[in-house]
C-alpha cells in the first residue's frame, strides 16, 4: 500500500512530515523559557544575575548599533540624495532614539512614585 507522499505528484512532498509545533510556537516558547529562567536566576543569584543582565543589555545595544550601521551602509546613496533638511531630520531622529535607548535605564521608577 502506497503512502500519501508516494501518490502525490509533487516530488518535494515525499520529504515533508507533519509538524506538531510551528516555528512561531517554538520561538515563543524559547522567549518565555528564557524570561522564566532569567526571573528565577535573578531571585537566586541577585548580583551575578544583575551583571549578566547588564552584559546582555550591552550586547543588545551593540546589535542595534550594528543594524543601524548596516542600514546606513545599504542606503547610503539614498541618504546622500536626500535634501539637507530631511537628512538632518533623519540624523536627529536617530540621535534622539539612541539617547532614549541609552538613558532608559535611568528612567525606571516604582509604581508608587508614578501615582504621585
C-alpha atoms as a PDB file:
ATOM      1  CA  UNK A   1       0.000   0.000   0.000  1.00  0.00           C
ATOM      2  CA  UNK A   2       1.480   3.330  -1.070  1.00  0.00           C
ATOM      3  CA  UNK A   3       1.629   6.292   1.304  1.00  0.00           C
ATOM      4  CA  UNK A   4       0.140   9.709   0.586  1.00  0.00           C
ATOM      5  CA  UNK A   5       3.550  11.176  -0.230  1.00  0.00           C
ATOM      6  CA  UNK A   6       4.111   8.497  -2.873  1.00  0.00           C
ATOM      7  CA  UNK A   7       0.752   9.188  -4.535  1.00  0.00           C
ATOM      8  CA  UNK A   8       1.360  12.941  -4.719  1.00  0.00           C
ATOM      9  CA  UNK A   9       2.526  14.445  -7.990  1.00  0.00           C
ATOM     10  CA  UNK A  10       4.746  16.870  -6.070  1.00  0.00           C
ATOM     11  CA  UNK A  11       8.237  15.344  -5.703  1.00  0.00           C
ATOM     12  CA  UNK A  12       9.024  17.581  -2.715  1.00  0.00           C
ATOM     13  CA  UNK A  13       6.023  16.172  -0.800  1.00  0.00           C
ATOM     14  CA  UNK A  14       7.866  12.905  -0.203  1.00  0.00           C
ATOM     15  CA  UNK A  15      10.290  14.594   2.217  1.00  0.00           C
ATOM     16  CA  UNK A  16       7.678  16.529   4.194  1.00  0.00           C
ATOM     17  CA  UNK A  17       6.461  15.388   7.574  1.00  0.00           C
ATOM     18  CA  UNK A  18       3.631  16.539   9.780  1.00  0.00           C
ATOM     19  CA  UNK A  19       4.896  19.122  12.276  1.00  0.00           C
ATOM     20  CA  UNK A  20       3.141  19.280  15.617  1.00  0.00           C
ATOM     21  CA  UNK A  21       4.752  22.578  16.651  1.00  0.00           C
ATOM     22  CA  UNK A  22       5.112  25.529  14.284  1.00  0.00           C
ATOM     23  CA  UNK A  23       8.191  27.730  14.176  1.00  0.00           C
ATOM     24  CA  UNK A  24       6.307  30.612  15.799  1.00  0.00           C
ATOM     25  CA  UNK A  25       5.138  28.447  18.686  1.00  0.00           C
ATOM     26  CA  UNK A  26       8.684  27.179  19.189  1.00  0.00           C
ATOM     27  CA  UNK A  27      10.090  30.731  19.153  1.00  0.00           C
ATOM     28  CA  UNK A  28       7.500  31.954  21.657  1.00  0.00           C
ATOM     29  CA  UNK A  29       8.305  29.008  23.932  1.00  0.00           C
ATOM     30  CA  UNK A  30      12.022  29.861  23.756  1.00  0.00           C
ATOM     31  CA  UNK A  31      11.384  33.505  24.704  1.00  0.00           C
ATOM     32  CA  UNK A  32       9.048  32.512  27.560  1.00  0.00           C
ATOM     33  CA  UNK A  33      11.569  29.946  28.789  1.00  0.00           C
ATOM     34  CA  UNK A  34      14.397  32.459  28.689  1.00  0.00           C
ATOM     35  CA  UNK A  35      12.298  35.038  30.564  1.00  0.00           C
ATOM     36  CA  UNK A  36      11.353  32.453  33.182  1.00  0.00           C
ATOM     37  CA  UNK A  37      14.968  31.364  33.595  1.00  0.00           C
ATOM     38  CA  UNK A  38      16.131  34.973  33.964  1.00  0.00           C
ATOM     39  CA  UNK A  39      13.417  35.672  36.521  1.00  0.00           C
ATOM     40  CA  UNK A  40      14.305  32.620  38.606  1.00  0.00           C
ATOM     41  CA  UNK A  41      18.023  33.246  38.169  1.00  0.00           C
ATOM     42  CA  UNK A  42      17.687  36.856  39.319  1.00  0.00           C
ATOM     43  CA  UNK A  43      15.936  35.776  42.508  1.00  0.00           C
ATOM     44  CA  UNK A  44      18.590  33.208  43.389  1.00  0.00           C
ATOM     45  CA  UNK A  45      21.813  34.952  42.438  1.00  0.00           C
ATOM     46  CA  UNK A  46      20.986  38.680  42.632  1.00  0.00           C
ATOM     47  CA  UNK A  47      24.317  40.453  41.964  1.00  0.00           C
ATOM     48  CA  UNK A  48      25.585  37.885  39.471  1.00  0.00           C
ATOM     49  CA  UNK A  49      22.294  37.955  37.602  1.00  0.00           C
ATOM     50  CA  UNK A  50      22.409  41.758  37.554  1.00  0.00           C
ATOM     51  CA  UNK A  51      25.859  41.644  35.985  1.00  0.00           C
ATOM     52  CA  UNK A  52      24.759  39.088  33.382  1.00  0.00           C
ATOM     53  CA  UNK A  53      21.652  41.142  32.594  1.00  0.00           C
ATOM     54  CA  UNK A  54      23.809  44.250  32.130  1.00  0.00           C
ATOM     55  CA  UNK A  55      26.077  42.315  29.762  1.00  0.00           C
ATOM     56  CA  UNK A  56      23.012  41.159  27.808  1.00  0.00           C
ATOM     57  CA  UNK A  57      21.771  44.758  27.591  1.00  0.00           C
ATOM     58  CA  UNK A  58      25.136  45.911  26.267  1.00  0.00           C
ATOM     59  CA  UNK A  59      25.156  43.111  23.687  1.00  0.00           C
ATOM     60  CA  UNK A  60      21.645  44.119  22.624  1.00  0.00           C
ATOM     61  CA  UNK A  61      22.707  47.750  22.216  1.00  0.00           C
ATOM     62  CA  UNK A  62      25.729  46.654  20.178  1.00  0.00           C
ATOM     63  CA  UNK A  63      23.425  44.572  17.955  1.00  0.00           C
ATOM     64  CA  UNK A  64      21.140  47.588  17.450  1.00  0.00           C
ATOM     65  CA  UNK A  65      24.124  49.770  16.565  1.00  0.00           C
ATOM     66  CA  UNK A  66      25.328  47.159  14.089  1.00  0.00           C
ATOM     67  CA  UNK A  67      21.886  47.022  12.458  1.00  0.00           C
ATOM     68  CA  UNK A  68      21.789  50.823  12.219  1.00  0.00           C
ATOM     69  CA  UNK A  69      25.228  50.813  10.617  1.00  0.00           C
ATOM     70  CA  UNK A  70      24.155  48.142   8.119  1.00  0.00           C
ATOM     71  CA  UNK A  71      21.018  50.139   7.273  1.00  0.00           C
ATOM     72  CA  UNK A  72      23.129  53.250   6.735  1.00  0.00           C
ATOM     73  CA  UNK A  73      25.639  51.378   4.540  1.00  0.00           C
ATOM     74  CA  UNK A  74      22.939  49.756   2.388  1.00  0.00           C
ATOM     75  CA  UNK A  75      21.046  53.045   1.919  1.00  0.00           C
ATOM     76  CA  UNK A  76      23.978  55.448   1.756  1.00  0.00           C
ATOM     77  CA  UNK A  77      23.227  56.620  -1.787  1.00  0.00           C
ATOM     78  CA  UNK A  78      19.574  57.242  -0.922  1.00  0.00           C
ATOM     79  CA  UNK A  79      20.525  59.164   2.206  1.00  0.00           C
ATOM     80  CA  UNK A  80      23.094  61.209   0.270  1.00  0.00           C
ATOM     81  CA  UNK A  81      20.477  62.252  -2.296  1.00  0.00           C
ATOM     82  CA  UNK A  82      18.045  63.460   0.378  1.00  0.00           C
ATOM     83  CA  UNK A  83      17.564  67.195   0.801  1.00  0.00           C
ATOM     84  CA  UNK A  84      19.619  68.593   3.674  1.00  0.00           C
ATOM     85  CA  UNK A  85      16.598  69.290   5.889  1.00  0.00           C
ATOM     86  CA  UNK A  86      15.333  65.701   5.521  1.00  0.00           C
ATOM     87  CA  UNK A  87      18.781  64.277   6.196  1.00  0.00           C
ATOM     88  CA  UNK A  88      19.071  66.485   9.287  1.00  0.00           C
ATOM     89  CA  UNK A  89      15.675  65.201  10.491  1.00  0.00           C
ATOM     90  CA  UNK A  90      16.780  61.580   9.913  1.00  0.00           C
ATOM     91  CA  UNK A  91      20.031  62.010  11.809  1.00  0.00           C
ATOM     92  CA  UNK A  92      18.286  63.985  14.560  1.00  0.00           C
ATOM     93  CA  UNK A  93      15.667  61.243  14.993  1.00  0.00           C
ATOM     94  CA  UNK A  94      18.426  58.614  15.115  1.00  0.00           C
ATOM     95  CA  UNK A  95      20.272  60.641  17.765  1.00  0.00           C
ATOM     96  CA  UNK A  96      17.115  61.057  19.877  1.00  0.00           C
ATOM     97  CA  UNK A  97      16.380  57.332  19.572  1.00  0.00           C
ATOM     98  CA  UNK A  98      19.936  56.476  20.622  1.00  0.00           C
ATOM     99  CA  UNK A  99      19.652  58.854  23.582  1.00  0.00           C
ATOM    100  CA  UNK A 100      16.352  57.304  24.692  1.00  0.00           C
ATOM    101  CA  UNK A 101      17.687  53.744  24.415  1.00  0.00           C
ATOM    102  CA  UNK A 102      20.925  54.507  26.244  1.00  0.00           C
ATOM    103  CA  UNK A 103      19.345  56.535  29.071  1.00  0.00           C
ATOM    104  CA  UNK A 104      16.190  54.420  29.519  1.00  0.00           C
ATOM    105  CA  UNK A 105      17.814  52.609  32.412  1.00  0.00           C
ATOM    106  CA  UNK A 106      17.764  55.829  34.460  1.00  0.00           C
ATOM    107  CA  UNK A 107      14.035  56.369  33.938  1.00  0.00           C
ATOM    108  CA  UNK A 108      12.855  53.399  35.991  1.00  0.00           C
ATOM    109  CA  UNK A 109      10.600  54.421  38.853  1.00  0.00           C
ATOM    110  CA  UNK A 110       8.412  52.357  41.127  1.00  0.00           C
ATOM    111  CA  UNK A 111       4.649  52.223  40.721  1.00  0.00           C
ATOM    112  CA  UNK A 112       4.001  54.271  43.871  1.00  0.00           C
ATOM    113  CA  UNK A 113       6.117  57.187  42.632  1.00  0.00           C
ATOM    114  CA  UNK A 114       4.318  57.096  39.291  1.00  0.00           C
ATOM    115  CA  UNK A 115       0.960  57.591  41.024  1.00  0.00           C
ATOM    116  CA  UNK A 116       2.090  60.660  42.985  1.00  0.00           C
END
